[in-house]
């Protein structure tokens, strides 16, 4: 129970990190923003379990490395690269699963449905490819905002708009999946 609460808290804090950076920037030293990222990364890596363990460990390690860079450089601008690093890491994990099945989405689907039809396996592979495309686009926009945009624009995109994009993909995928399941059940 406690482990689950810590895991959920860590995920929420990591998810909202760009917002926290925006709120705290100018009020705390960069070393504290870096220390926060290192702490979240260590927690995320330490809590890595189950089918998502590799992704959690990779993202946690990336957070630790970036947080350490922020602390060593003493420059809060380095935290802007966090979303770029996360998108690159997730793209690598999802993309590798397409090259060496089962795909990430198939593994997740098998948690609730251990037996998947060939059609469902193709579907999960396609969803994994869609997420790869999202990580490319989102990572590119995160890179552009980190390198060229004002801090406010970076915060708006990476702390709000990127998550709206993710939510849109989840919602559309849910509708498509329901239709796919109804169609599969009818055959």
N, C-alpha and C. Protein backbone atom coordinates (compact mmCIF):
# COMPACT_ATOMS: atom_id res chain seq x y z
N UNK A 1 0.81 -1.19 0.00
CA UNK A 1 0.00 0.00 0.00
C UNK A 1 0.87 1.27 0.00
N UNK A 2 1.87 1.29 0.89
CA UNK A 2 2.76 2.45 0.97
C UNK A 2 3.58 2.55 -0.30
N UNK A 3 4.06 1.41 -0.80
CA UNK A 3 4.84 1.40 -2.05
C UNK A 3 4.03 1.96 -3.20
N UNK A 4 2.77 1.60 -3.27
CA UNK A 4 1.89 2.09 -4.33
C UNK A 4 1.68 3.60 -4.21
N UNK A 5 1.51 4.10 -2.99
CA UNK A 5 1.33 5.54 -2.77
C UNK A 5 2.59 6.31 -3.16
N UNK A 6 3.76 5.77 -2.79
CA UNK A 6 5.02 6.42 -3.17
C UNK A 6 5.19 6.40 -4.68
N UNK A 7 4.87 5.27 -5.29
CA UNK A 7 4.98 5.14 -6.75
C UNK A 7 4.07 6.13 -7.46
N UNK A 8 2.84 6.24 -6.99
CA UNK A 8 1.89 7.18 -7.60
C UNK A 8 2.35 8.62 -7.40
N UNK A 9 2.81 8.94 -6.19
CA UNK A 9 3.30 10.30 -5.91
C UNK A 9 4.49 10.65 -6.79
N UNK A 10 5.41 9.71 -6.94
CA UNK A 10 6.58 9.92 -7.79
C UNK A 10 6.17 10.15 -9.23
N UNK A 11 5.23 9.34 -9.72
CA UNK A 11 4.77 9.49 -11.10
C UNK A 11 4.10 10.85 -11.31
N UNK A 12 3.28 11.27 -10.37
CA UNK A 12 2.60 12.56 -10.49
C UNK A 12 3.61 13.70 -10.47
N UNK A 13 4.57 13.64 -9.56
CA UNK A 13 5.59 14.70 -9.48
C UNK A 13 6.45 14.72 -10.75
N UNK A 14 6.83 13.57 -11.25
CA UNK A 14 7.63 13.52 -12.49
C UNK A 14 6.82 14.03 -13.67
N UNK A 15 5.56 13.65 -13.71
CA UNK A 15 4.66 14.07 -14.79
C UNK A 15 4.49 15.58 -14.81
N UNK A 16 4.41 16.18 -13.64
CA UNK A 16 4.17 17.62 -13.53
C UNK A 16 5.46 18.42 -13.33
N UNK A 17 6.60 17.79 -13.52
CA UNK A 17 7.88 18.46 -13.27
C UNK A 17 8.03 19.77 -14.04
N UNK A 18 7.68 19.84 -15.33
CA UNK A 18 7.81 21.15 -16.01
C UNK A 18 7.00 22.26 -15.33
N UNK A 19 5.84 21.92 -14.80
CA UNK A 19 5.03 22.91 -14.08
C UNK A 19 5.75 23.35 -12.80
N UNK A 20 6.32 22.39 -12.08
CA UNK A 20 7.05 22.72 -10.85
C UNK A 20 8.25 23.61 -11.15
N UNK A 21 8.94 23.31 -12.24
CA UNK A 21 10.10 24.12 -12.63
C UNK A 21 9.65 25.55 -12.90
N UNK A 22 8.55 25.70 -13.60
CA UNK A 22 8.03 27.02 -13.92
C UNK A 22 7.65 27.78 -12.64
N UNK A 23 6.98 27.08 -11.72
CA UNK A 23 6.55 27.72 -10.47
C UNK A 23 7.73 28.09 -9.56
N UNK A 24 8.75 27.24 -9.52
CA UNK A 24 9.85 27.44 -8.58
C UNK A 24 11.02 28.24 -9.16
N UNK A 25 11.09 28.32 -10.47
CA UNK A 25 12.20 29.02 -11.10
C UNK A 25 12.24 30.48 -10.64
N UNK A 26 13.41 30.92 -10.26
CA UNK A 26 13.57 32.28 -9.76
C UNK A 26 13.35 32.38 -8.26
N UNK A 27 12.79 31.31 -7.67
CA UNK A 27 12.54 31.32 -6.23
C UNK A 27 13.49 30.39 -5.48
N UNK A 28 14.03 29.39 -6.18
CA UNK A 28 14.98 28.47 -5.56
C UNK A 28 16.20 28.36 -6.48
N UNK A 29 17.32 27.99 -5.89
CA UNK A 29 18.56 27.81 -6.66
C UNK A 29 18.43 26.61 -7.59
N UNK A 30 19.13 26.69 -8.71
CA UNK A 30 19.09 25.60 -9.70
C UNK A 30 19.49 24.27 -9.09
N UNK A 31 20.40 24.29 -8.13
CA UNK A 31 20.84 23.05 -7.52
C UNK A 31 19.66 22.30 -6.89
N UNK A 32 18.67 23.03 -6.38
CA UNK A 32 17.50 22.37 -5.77
C UNK A 32 16.59 21.78 -6.84
N UNK A 33 16.48 22.44 -7.98
CA UNK A 33 15.71 21.86 -9.09
C UNK A 33 16.38 20.57 -9.57
N UNK A 34 17.70 20.61 -9.65
CA UNK A 34 18.45 19.41 -10.03
C UNK A 34 18.33 18.31 -8.99
N UNK A 35 18.42 18.69 -7.71
CA UNK A 35 18.29 17.70 -6.64
C UNK A 35 16.90 17.06 -6.66
N UNK A 36 15.89 17.86 -6.95
CA UNK A 36 14.54 17.30 -7.06
C UNK A 36 14.44 16.29 -8.19
N UNK A 37 15.08 16.60 -9.31
CA UNK A 37 15.06 15.68 -10.45
C UNK A 37 15.84 14.40 -10.13
N UNK A 38 16.97 14.53 -9.46
CA UNK A 38 17.74 13.35 -9.06
C UNK A 38 16.92 12.48 -8.10
N UNK A 39 16.27 13.11 -7.13
CA UNK A 39 15.46 12.38 -6.16
C UNK A 39 14.31 11.64 -6.84
N UNK A 40 13.61 12.34 -7.74
CA UNK A 40 12.52 11.69 -8.48
C UNK A 40 13.04 10.54 -9.34
N UNK A 41 14.18 10.76 -9.98
CA UNK A 41 14.77 9.71 -10.82
C UNK A 41 15.16 8.48 -10.02
N UNK A 42 15.78 8.70 -8.87
CA UNK A 42 16.16 7.57 -8.02
C UNK A 42 14.93 6.81 -7.52
N UNK A 43 13.90 7.56 -7.14
CA UNK A 43 12.66 6.93 -6.68
C UNK A 43 12.03 6.12 -7.80
N UNK A 44 11.99 6.72 -8.97
CA UNK A 44 11.37 6.03 -10.11
C UNK A 44 12.15 4.76 -10.46
N UNK A 45 13.48 4.85 -10.49
CA UNK A 45 14.30 3.67 -10.79
C UNK A 45 14.17 2.62 -9.69
N UNK A 46 14.14 3.07 -8.44
CA UNK A 46 14.04 2.14 -7.32
C UNK A 46 12.70 1.44 -7.23
N UNK A 47 11.66 2.06 -7.76
CA UNK A 47 10.32 1.47 -7.71
C UNK A 47 10.00 0.65 -8.94
N UNK A 48 10.93 0.56 -9.89
CA UNK A 48 10.68 -0.13 -11.16
C UNK A 48 10.36 -1.60 -10.91
N UNK A 49 9.16 -2.00 -11.34
CA UNK A 49 8.71 -3.39 -11.20
C UNK A 49 7.77 -3.71 -12.36
N UNK A 50 7.58 -4.99 -12.60
CA UNK A 50 6.58 -5.43 -13.56
C UNK A 50 6.97 -5.19 -15.01
N UNK A 51 5.97 -5.24 -15.88
CA UNK A 51 6.23 -5.16 -17.32
C UNK A 51 6.77 -3.81 -17.77
N UNK A 52 6.58 -2.79 -16.96
CA UNK A 52 7.06 -1.46 -17.33
C UNK A 52 8.38 -1.14 -16.65
N UNK A 53 9.02 -2.12 -16.03
CA UNK A 53 10.24 -1.88 -15.25
C UNK A 53 11.36 -1.28 -16.09
N UNK A 54 11.55 -1.78 -17.29
CA UNK A 54 12.64 -1.28 -18.13
C UNK A 54 12.42 0.20 -18.45
N UNK A 55 11.19 0.56 -18.81
CA UNK A 55 10.89 1.96 -19.11
C UNK A 55 11.08 2.83 -17.88
N UNK A 56 10.59 2.39 -16.74
CA UNK A 56 10.72 3.16 -15.50
C UNK A 56 12.18 3.32 -15.11
N UNK A 57 12.95 2.27 -15.24
CA UNK A 57 14.37 2.31 -14.91
C UNK A 57 15.12 3.26 -15.85
N UNK A 58 14.83 3.17 -17.14
CA UNK A 58 15.50 4.02 -18.13
C UNK A 58 15.17 5.50 -17.91
N UNK A 59 13.90 5.79 -17.71
CA UNK A 59 13.49 7.19 -17.48
C UNK A 59 14.07 7.68 -16.16
N UNK A 60 14.05 6.84 -15.12
CA UNK A 60 14.63 7.22 -13.84
C UNK A 60 16.11 7.53 -13.94
N UNK A 61 16.84 6.71 -14.67
CA UNK A 61 18.27 6.94 -14.88
C UNK A 61 18.51 8.22 -15.65
N UNK A 62 17.70 8.47 -16.67
CA UNK A 62 17.81 9.71 -17.45
C UNK A 62 17.57 10.92 -16.56
N UNK A 63 16.59 10.82 -15.66
CA UNK A 63 16.29 11.92 -14.73
C UNK A 63 17.48 12.18 -13.81
N UNK A 64 18.10 11.12 -13.32
CA UNK A 64 19.25 11.26 -12.43
C UNK A 64 20.40 11.96 -13.16
N UNK A 65 20.68 11.53 -14.39
CA UNK A 65 21.78 12.14 -15.15
C UNK A 65 21.53 13.62 -15.44
N UNK A 66 20.32 13.93 -15.84
CA UNK A 66 20.00 15.32 -16.14
C UNK A 66 20.01 16.17 -14.86
N UNK A 67 19.46 15.64 -13.79
CA UNK A 67 19.47 16.36 -12.51
C UNK A 67 20.88 16.61 -12.02
N UNK A 68 21.75 15.61 -12.21
CA UNK A 68 23.16 15.78 -11.82
C UNK A 68 23.81 16.88 -12.66
N UNK A 69 23.49 16.94 -13.95
CA UNK A 69 24.03 18.00 -14.81
C UNK A 69 23.57 19.37 -14.33
N UNK A 70 22.30 19.48 -13.96
CA UNK A 70 21.77 20.75 -13.44
C UNK A 70 22.53 21.15 -12.18
N UNK A 71 22.74 20.19 -11.28
CA UNK A 71 23.43 20.48 -10.03
C UNK A 71 24.89 20.88 -10.28
N UNK A 72 25.57 20.16 -11.17
CA UNK A 72 26.98 20.45 -11.45
C UNK A 72 27.16 21.79 -12.16
N UNK A 73 26.26 22.08 -13.09
CA UNK A 73 26.37 23.34 -13.85
C UNK A 73 25.78 24.52 -13.08
N UNK A 74 24.88 24.24 -12.15
CA UNK A 74 24.24 25.31 -11.40
C UNK A 74 23.38 26.20 -12.27
N UNK A 75 22.85 25.62 -13.34
CA UNK A 75 22.07 26.39 -14.32
C UNK A 75 20.72 25.73 -14.52
N UNK A 76 19.65 26.45 -14.18
CA UNK A 76 18.29 25.90 -14.30
C UNK A 76 17.88 25.66 -15.74
N UNK A 77 18.57 26.27 -16.70
CA UNK A 77 18.23 26.05 -18.11
C UNK A 77 18.34 24.58 -18.51
N UNK A 78 19.20 23.84 -17.83
CA UNK A 78 19.37 22.43 -18.14
C UNK A 78 18.10 21.62 -17.88
N UNK A 79 17.24 22.05 -16.96
CA UNK A 79 16.02 21.28 -16.68
C UNK A 79 15.08 21.30 -17.89
N UNK A 80 15.27 22.24 -18.78
CA UNK A 80 14.42 22.31 -19.97
C UNK A 80 14.60 21.09 -20.87
N UNK A 81 15.70 20.38 -20.70
CA UNK A 81 15.98 19.22 -21.55
C UNK A 81 15.31 17.94 -21.02
N UNK A 82 14.72 18.02 -19.84
CA UNK A 82 14.05 16.84 -19.26
C UNK A 82 12.99 16.24 -20.19
N UNK A 83 12.04 17.01 -20.73
CA UNK A 83 11.05 16.40 -21.62
C UNK A 83 11.67 15.80 -22.89
N UNK A 84 12.74 16.40 -23.38
CA UNK A 84 13.42 15.85 -24.56
C UNK A 84 13.99 14.48 -24.22
N UNK A 85 14.64 14.39 -23.07
CA UNK A 85 15.24 13.14 -22.62
C UNK A 85 14.18 12.06 -22.40
N UNK A 86 13.08 12.43 -21.79
CA UNK A 86 12.00 11.46 -21.53
C UNK A 86 11.42 10.95 -22.85
N UNK A 87 11.15 11.86 -23.79
CA UNK A 87 10.59 11.43 -25.08
C UNK A 87 11.57 10.55 -25.85
N UNK A 88 12.85 10.88 -25.82
CA UNK A 88 13.85 10.06 -26.51
C UNK A 88 13.95 8.67 -25.88
N UNK A 89 13.90 8.62 -24.56
CA UNK A 89 13.97 7.33 -23.86
C UNK A 89 12.75 6.47 -24.18
N UNK A 90 11.57 7.08 -24.13
CA UNK A 90 10.35 6.32 -24.42
C UNK A 90 10.30 5.90 -25.89
N UNK A 91 10.76 6.75 -26.79
CA UNK A 91 10.82 6.37 -28.20
C UNK A 91 11.74 5.17 -28.38
N UNK A 92 12.88 5.17 -27.72
CA UNK A 92 13.81 4.05 -27.83
C UNK A 92 13.17 2.76 -27.31
N UNK A 93 12.47 2.83 -26.19
CA UNK A 93 11.85 1.64 -25.60
C UNK A 93 10.72 1.12 -26.48
N UNK A 94 9.81 2.03 -26.88
CA UNK A 94 8.68 1.61 -27.72
C UNK A 94 9.17 1.13 -29.08
N UNK A 95 10.13 1.86 -29.66
CA UNK A 95 10.66 1.48 -30.97
C UNK A 95 11.36 0.14 -30.93
N UNK A 96 12.15 -0.10 -29.89
CA UNK A 96 12.84 -1.39 -29.76
C UNK A 96 11.85 -2.53 -29.65
N UNK A 97 10.71 -2.27 -29.01
CA UNK A 97 9.70 -3.34 -28.87
C UNK A 97 9.04 -3.65 -30.21
N UNK A 98 9.05 -2.70 -31.14
CA UNK A 98 8.54 -2.99 -32.48
C UNK A 98 9.53 -3.86 -33.24
N UNK A 99 10.81 -3.62 -33.01
CA UNK A 99 11.85 -4.40 -33.68
C UNK A 99 11.96 -5.80 -33.08
N UNK A 100 11.71 -5.89 -31.78
CA UNK A 100 11.81 -7.18 -31.08
C UNK A 100 10.55 -7.40 -30.26
N UNK A 101 9.49 -7.95 -30.88
CA UNK A 101 8.20 -8.14 -30.19
C UNK A 101 8.35 -9.04 -28.96
N UNK A 102 7.38 -8.97 -28.07
CA UNK A 102 6.11 -8.27 -28.17
C UNK A 102 6.28 -6.76 -27.93
N UNK A 103 5.38 -6.00 -28.53
CA UNK A 103 5.42 -4.55 -28.39
C UNK A 103 5.03 -4.16 -26.97
N UNK A 104 5.37 -2.95 -26.60
CA UNK A 104 5.05 -2.43 -25.26
C UNK A 104 3.54 -2.50 -25.03
N UNK A 105 2.76 -2.06 -26.00
CA UNK A 105 1.30 -2.04 -25.83
C UNK A 105 0.76 -3.47 -25.74
N UNK A 106 1.34 -4.40 -26.48
CA UNK A 106 0.90 -5.80 -26.38
C UNK A 106 1.17 -6.33 -24.98
N UNK A 107 2.35 -6.04 -24.43
CA UNK A 107 2.65 -6.49 -23.06
C UNK A 107 1.65 -5.93 -22.06
N UNK A 108 1.31 -4.65 -22.24
CA UNK A 108 0.33 -4.04 -21.33
C UNK A 108 -1.04 -4.68 -21.52
N UNK A 109 -1.42 -4.94 -22.76
CA UNK A 109 -2.73 -5.55 -23.04
C UNK A 109 -2.83 -6.95 -22.43
N UNK A 110 -1.73 -7.67 -22.44
CA UNK A 110 -1.74 -9.04 -21.90
C UNK A 110 -1.90 -9.07 -20.38
N UNK A 111 -1.74 -7.93 -19.72
CA UNK A 111 -1.98 -7.90 -18.28
C UNK A 111 -3.44 -8.16 -17.95
N UNK A 112 -4.33 -7.69 -18.84
CA UNK A 112 -5.76 -7.89 -18.60
C UNK A 112 -6.36 -8.97 -19.51
N UNK A 113 -5.69 -9.24 -20.62
CA UNK A 113 -6.15 -10.26 -21.57
C UNK A 113 -4.96 -11.10 -22.00
N UNK A 114 -4.62 -12.14 -21.24
CA UNK A 114 -3.43 -12.93 -21.56
C UNK A 114 -3.44 -13.54 -22.97
N UNK A 115 -4.63 -13.89 -23.45
CA UNK A 115 -4.72 -14.48 -24.80
C UNK A 115 -5.20 -13.40 -25.77
N UNK A 116 -4.35 -13.07 -26.72
CA UNK A 116 -4.71 -12.08 -27.74
C UNK A 116 -4.77 -12.74 -29.10
N UNK A 117 -5.75 -12.36 -29.87
CA UNK A 117 -5.88 -12.88 -31.23
C UNK A 117 -4.79 -12.25 -32.11
N UNK A 118 -4.52 -12.85 -33.26
CA UNK A 118 -3.56 -12.22 -34.19
C UNK A 118 -3.98 -10.80 -34.57
N UNK A 119 -5.28 -10.58 -34.69
CA UNK A 119 -5.78 -9.24 -35.00
C UNK A 119 -5.47 -8.26 -33.87
N UNK A 120 -5.64 -8.71 -32.64
CA UNK A 120 -5.36 -7.85 -31.48
C UNK A 120 -3.87 -7.57 -31.38
N UNK A 121 -3.04 -8.54 -31.71
CA UNK A 121 -1.59 -8.33 -31.68
C UNK A 121 -1.19 -7.30 -32.73
N UNK A 122 -1.77 -7.38 -33.92
CA UNK A 122 -1.51 -6.37 -34.97
C UNK A 122 -1.96 -5.00 -34.48
N UNK A 123 -3.12 -4.96 -33.84
CA UNK A 123 -3.65 -3.70 -33.33
C UNK A 123 -2.70 -3.08 -32.30
N UNK A 124 -2.23 -3.90 -31.34
CA UNK A 124 -1.33 -3.37 -30.31
C UNK A 124 -0.01 -2.91 -30.93
N UNK A 125 0.42 -3.59 -31.96
CA UNK A 125 1.64 -3.17 -32.66
C UNK A 125 1.43 -1.80 -33.32
N UNK A 126 0.27 -1.62 -33.94
CA UNK A 126 -0.04 -0.34 -34.57
C UNK A 126 -0.14 0.78 -33.53
N UNK A 127 -0.73 0.50 -32.39
CA UNK A 127 -0.82 1.50 -31.32
C UNK A 127 0.57 1.86 -30.83
N UNK A 128 1.44 0.88 -30.71
CA UNK A 128 2.83 1.16 -30.31
C UNK A 128 3.50 2.07 -31.33
N UNK A 129 3.25 1.83 -32.62
CA UNK A 129 3.82 2.68 -33.68
C UNK A 129 3.27 4.11 -33.57
N UNK A 130 1.98 4.25 -33.24
CA UNK A 130 1.40 5.58 -33.07
C UNK A 130 2.10 6.31 -31.92
N UNK A 131 2.34 5.59 -30.82
CA UNK A 131 3.05 6.22 -29.70
C UNK A 131 4.47 6.62 -30.10
N UNK A 132 5.12 5.81 -30.92
CA UNK A 132 6.45 6.18 -31.41
C UNK A 132 6.38 7.49 -32.20
N UNK A 133 5.38 7.61 -33.05
CA UNK A 133 5.22 8.85 -33.82
C UNK A 133 4.96 10.03 -32.88
N UNK A 134 4.15 9.81 -31.86
CA UNK A 134 3.90 10.86 -30.89
C UNK A 134 5.19 11.29 -30.21
N UNK A 135 6.01 10.32 -29.79
CA UNK A 135 7.26 10.66 -29.10
C UNK A 135 8.21 11.43 -30.02
N UNK A 136 8.19 11.12 -31.31
CA UNK A 136 9.03 11.86 -32.26
C UNK A 136 8.55 13.31 -32.34
N UNK A 137 7.26 13.50 -32.56
CA UNK A 137 6.71 14.86 -32.69
C UNK A 137 6.85 15.62 -31.38
N UNK A 138 6.43 15.02 -30.29
CA UNK A 138 6.49 15.68 -28.99
C UNK A 138 7.93 15.96 -28.59
N UNK A 139 8.81 15.02 -28.81
CA UNK A 139 10.22 15.22 -28.48
C UNK A 139 10.85 16.33 -29.31
N UNK A 140 10.46 16.41 -30.58
CA UNK A 140 10.97 17.48 -31.44
C UNK A 140 10.49 18.84 -30.95
N UNK A 141 9.20 18.93 -30.60
CA UNK A 141 8.67 20.20 -30.08
C UNK A 141 9.29 20.53 -28.72
N UNK A 142 9.54 19.53 -27.90
CA UNK A 142 10.21 19.76 -26.62
C UNK A 142 11.63 20.27 -26.86
N UNK A 143 12.30 19.72 -27.86
CA UNK A 143 13.65 20.16 -28.22
C UNK A 143 13.65 21.61 -28.70
N UNK A 144 12.70 21.94 -29.56
CA UNK A 144 12.60 23.31 -30.08
C UNK A 144 12.32 24.29 -28.95
N UNK A 145 11.39 23.93 -28.07
CA UNK A 145 11.07 24.85 -26.97
C UNK A 145 12.23 24.96 -25.98
N UNK A 146 12.97 23.88 -25.78
CA UNK A 146 14.12 23.92 -24.88
C UNK A 146 15.24 24.78 -25.45
N UNK A 147 15.45 24.69 -26.75
CA UNK A 147 16.57 25.39 -27.38
C UNK A 147 16.26 26.83 -27.77
N UNK A 148 15.00 27.10 -28.17
CA UNK A 148 14.71 28.38 -28.81
C UNK A 148 13.63 29.23 -28.14
N UNK A 149 12.79 28.64 -27.34
CA UNK A 149 11.63 29.38 -26.83
C UNK A 149 11.91 30.00 -25.47
N UNK A 150 11.05 30.93 -25.11
CA UNK A 150 11.15 31.52 -23.77
C UNK A 150 10.78 30.46 -22.73
N UNK A 151 11.14 30.73 -21.50
CA UNK A 151 10.84 29.80 -20.42
C UNK A 151 9.33 29.61 -20.27
N UNK A 152 8.56 30.68 -20.46
CA UNK A 152 7.10 30.58 -20.35
C UNK A 152 6.52 29.70 -21.46
N UNK A 153 7.02 29.84 -22.68
CA UNK A 153 6.54 29.02 -23.80
C UNK A 153 6.93 27.56 -23.55
N UNK A 154 8.17 27.34 -23.09
CA UNK A 154 8.60 25.98 -22.76
C UNK A 154 7.67 25.36 -21.73
N UNK A 155 7.37 26.11 -20.67
CA UNK A 155 6.51 25.61 -19.60
C UNK A 155 5.10 25.33 -20.11
N UNK A 156 4.56 26.22 -20.92
CA UNK A 156 3.22 26.01 -21.47
C UNK A 156 3.16 24.76 -22.33
N UNK A 157 4.14 24.61 -23.23
CA UNK A 157 4.09 23.44 -24.10
C UNK A 157 4.32 22.15 -23.30
N UNK A 158 5.43 22.09 -22.56
CA UNK A 158 5.82 20.86 -21.89
C UNK A 158 5.03 20.56 -20.62
N UNK A 159 4.43 21.58 -20.02
CA UNK A 159 3.66 21.37 -18.80
C UNK A 159 2.17 21.28 -19.02
N UNK A 160 1.69 21.67 -20.22
CA UNK A 160 0.25 21.65 -20.47
C UNK A 160 -0.07 21.00 -21.83
N UNK A 161 0.40 21.62 -22.90
CA UNK A 161 -0.01 21.18 -24.24
C UNK A 161 0.43 19.76 -24.58
N UNK A 162 1.62 19.37 -24.18
CA UNK A 162 2.09 18.01 -24.45
C UNK A 162 1.17 16.98 -23.78
N UNK A 163 0.71 17.30 -22.57
CA UNK A 163 -0.17 16.39 -21.85
C UNK A 163 -1.57 16.35 -22.46
N UNK A 164 -2.01 17.47 -22.98
CA UNK A 164 -3.29 17.47 -23.70
C UNK A 164 -3.19 16.59 -24.94
N UNK A 165 -2.05 16.66 -25.63
CA UNK A 165 -1.82 15.79 -26.79
C UNK A 165 -1.85 14.33 -26.41
N UNK A 166 -1.20 13.99 -25.29
CA UNK A 166 -1.21 12.62 -24.79
C UNK A 166 -2.64 12.17 -24.47
N UNK A 167 -3.36 13.04 -23.79
CA UNK A 167 -4.75 12.72 -23.44
C UNK A 167 -5.60 12.49 -24.67
N UNK A 168 -5.38 13.30 -25.71
CA UNK A 168 -6.12 13.13 -26.96
C UNK A 168 -5.83 11.77 -27.59
N UNK A 169 -4.56 11.39 -27.60
CA UNK A 169 -4.21 10.07 -28.15
C UNK A 169 -4.86 8.96 -27.33
N UNK A 170 -4.82 9.07 -26.01
CA UNK A 170 -5.47 8.06 -25.16
C UNK A 170 -6.96 7.97 -25.48
N UNK A 171 -7.63 9.11 -25.59
CA UNK A 171 -9.08 9.13 -25.84
C UNK A 171 -9.41 8.53 -27.20
N UNK A 172 -8.68 8.93 -28.23
CA UNK A 172 -8.93 8.40 -29.58
C UNK A 172 -8.64 6.91 -29.60
N UNK A 173 -7.54 6.50 -28.99
CA UNK A 173 -7.19 5.07 -28.97
C UNK A 173 -8.25 4.27 -28.24
N UNK A 174 -8.80 4.80 -27.16
CA UNK A 174 -9.84 4.10 -26.42
C UNK A 174 -11.07 3.89 -27.30
N UNK A 175 -11.46 4.92 -28.05
CA UNK A 175 -12.62 4.78 -28.95
C UNK A 175 -12.34 3.76 -30.04
N UNK A 176 -11.15 3.81 -30.63
CA UNK A 176 -10.79 2.87 -31.70
C UNK A 176 -10.72 1.45 -31.14
N UNK A 177 -10.17 1.30 -29.94
CA UNK A 177 -10.07 -0.03 -29.32
C UNK A 177 -11.45 -0.62 -29.06
N UNK A 178 -12.37 0.19 -28.56
CA UNK A 178 -13.73 -0.31 -28.31
C UNK A 178 -14.37 -0.79 -29.61
N UNK A 179 -14.19 -0.02 -30.66
CA UNK A 179 -14.72 -0.41 -31.97
C UNK A 179 -14.05 -1.70 -32.45
N UNK A 180 -12.76 -1.80 -32.28
CA UNK A 180 -12.00 -2.99 -32.69
C UNK A 180 -12.50 -4.22 -31.92
N UNK A 181 -12.71 -4.06 -30.60
CA UNK A 181 -13.17 -5.18 -29.78
C UNK A 181 -14.57 -5.63 -30.17
N UNK A 182 -15.45 -4.66 -30.46
CA UNK A 182 -16.81 -5.01 -30.89
C UNK A 182 -16.77 -5.75 -32.24
N UNK A 183 -15.94 -5.27 -33.13
CA UNK A 183 -15.80 -5.90 -34.45
C UNK A 183 -15.23 -7.31 -34.32
N UNK A 184 -14.24 -7.47 -33.45
CA UNK A 184 -13.62 -8.78 -33.23
C UNK A 184 -14.61 -9.75 -32.58
N UNK A 185 -15.43 -9.25 -31.66
CA UNK A 185 -16.42 -10.10 -30.99
C UNK A 185 -17.51 -10.56 -31.95
N UNK A 186 -17.80 -9.72 -32.96
CA UNK A 186 -18.86 -10.05 -33.92
C UNK A 186 -18.41 -11.12 -34.91
N UNK A 187 -17.11 -11.33 -35.05
CA UNK A 187 -16.64 -12.34 -36.03
C UNK A 187 -16.44 -13.67 -35.42
